Amino acid sequence: MSNYDVQPFTIDVPQADLDDLRERLTRTRFPADFGNDDWRYGYNTSYHRELVRYWLEEYDWRDVERRMNELPQFKVDLMGVPLHFVHVKGKGKNPVPLLLHHGWPWTFWDVRKVIGPLTDPAAHGLDDSLSFDVVLISLPGYGFSSPLTETGWNWWRTADLENTLMKEVLGYERYATAGGDWGALVAQQHGHKYEADLIGVYTHFPAQMSHYLPEHPDAPSSVEYDPLLGLPAASEYGEGEEGWFERGKNFVQHESGYGEIQLTKPQTLAALFADSPAGQLAWITEKRYFWGLAERGEGTERFEQVWPKEDLVTTAAVYFLTNTGGTSSRYYWECRGNPWTPSHDRFPVVGAPTAVSIYPGEIYKPPRTFTEKYFNLQQYRVHDDGGHFAPLEVPDTYVKDVRDFFGGLVG
């Protein structure tokens, strides 16, 4: 099928690395924390102590590793990236090739809940006339797509890499794609640059692709922008979109500090992450706590209804054990330092058929006036549950969206 040396991959972290991790956790030095019961100053240290205790006393990496290895995984040296990917063949006749995505601070494991229903629908009580061949990479410099030793890797170059993976390595003529967070921008870039190769795009974070840049060559001329935020203005939001502009404004003003650090000085963070599993855990967990807080409600009990301790610790463990806290942070720097430029100046910017879903707990929700001009919009849904991590939070809703949309395109 190809001349690429694709090798089966099994996750098998050396015991010495696990022993080292445990020793570091045991010696964690916790900061002083006062007046912070409501997390107003950031990550709460009482909760941090509880998560570290759980990691030491209850968490079982080998059990998680075993479950991860139930997925067929592979590695291939592609365009200079030691690329890790999952490839699950669909049941039934003519499965649709579907390229899924994670983002930051995710790993491939955060997308696991939707793989079974998409590849083996009958086993999950769904109509088996539609199934998918699921391909899911670890982004370059994330998790097991490491060690990354070349600069320049960001979301738009990832789309180039994936197009090569899907067409040249795996032999698919056309494919569908879906994603949120960075994965949304990667998926949208497929629909922008590789429109002829795409069946369609499903995005649940429909941000414009220049959103981290000072200039917006992809801004629809008829959409008014807020001059300070660089986002569609409050006047663009209509009925049913109350509070959406304020949600985006709040994120930019109060929740984007982590991004500015990763956009500017990611290697400074790398020194922290490489040395401290507890530090890696804190950096990731704080973002997950605040993203979706308004809908979920305050407190760690409600937080863990969405994010069980095992999932929080697993994400930190993958980043620490692969030493990719730094290279995953560089993904941000490379977005601004190695900026995206449009492949064409047509509108819609994303010309492939597109489905957009808006989840209530999303960190930024653009107005439909923007969405209809930016995308070749064929399906649009506003949900009443779920948030930024939709495939993990509300997998049934996510699967229904994907099946409804792509089923209509290939049926």
Foldseek 3Di string as FASTA:
>chain_A
DAPWDKFWDADDFDVVLVVVQLVQLVPDDFDDDPPCPQCPVFFDRVVLVVLSCCVNPPFDVVVVSVVVRVFTKIFTCFPNWRKIKTWAAADDPDEAEEEEEDAPPAFQVLLPLQQCCQRYVVVVVHDRVYHHTYMYIGAGLAFPRDDRDDPQGALLVSLVRVVCCVPRVVNQQAHEYEYFHSRQLNNLSCLQVVVVRYLEYEYAHPDDLCQVPPDDLLFDPVFDCDNPRRAGDPVLADPPCPPQVVLLVCCVVPPCPLLVCLQPPLVVVLVVLQSHLSVLLRVRVRNLCPQLCVVQDDDVVSSCVQPPSNNSSVSSCSCHSRSSSRVSSNNSNSCHVVHDDGPDSDWLSREHEYEYEYEPSESHDHHVVRVVTNHNYDHYYYDDHDYRSCSRRPVVVVSVSVCVVSVVSPD
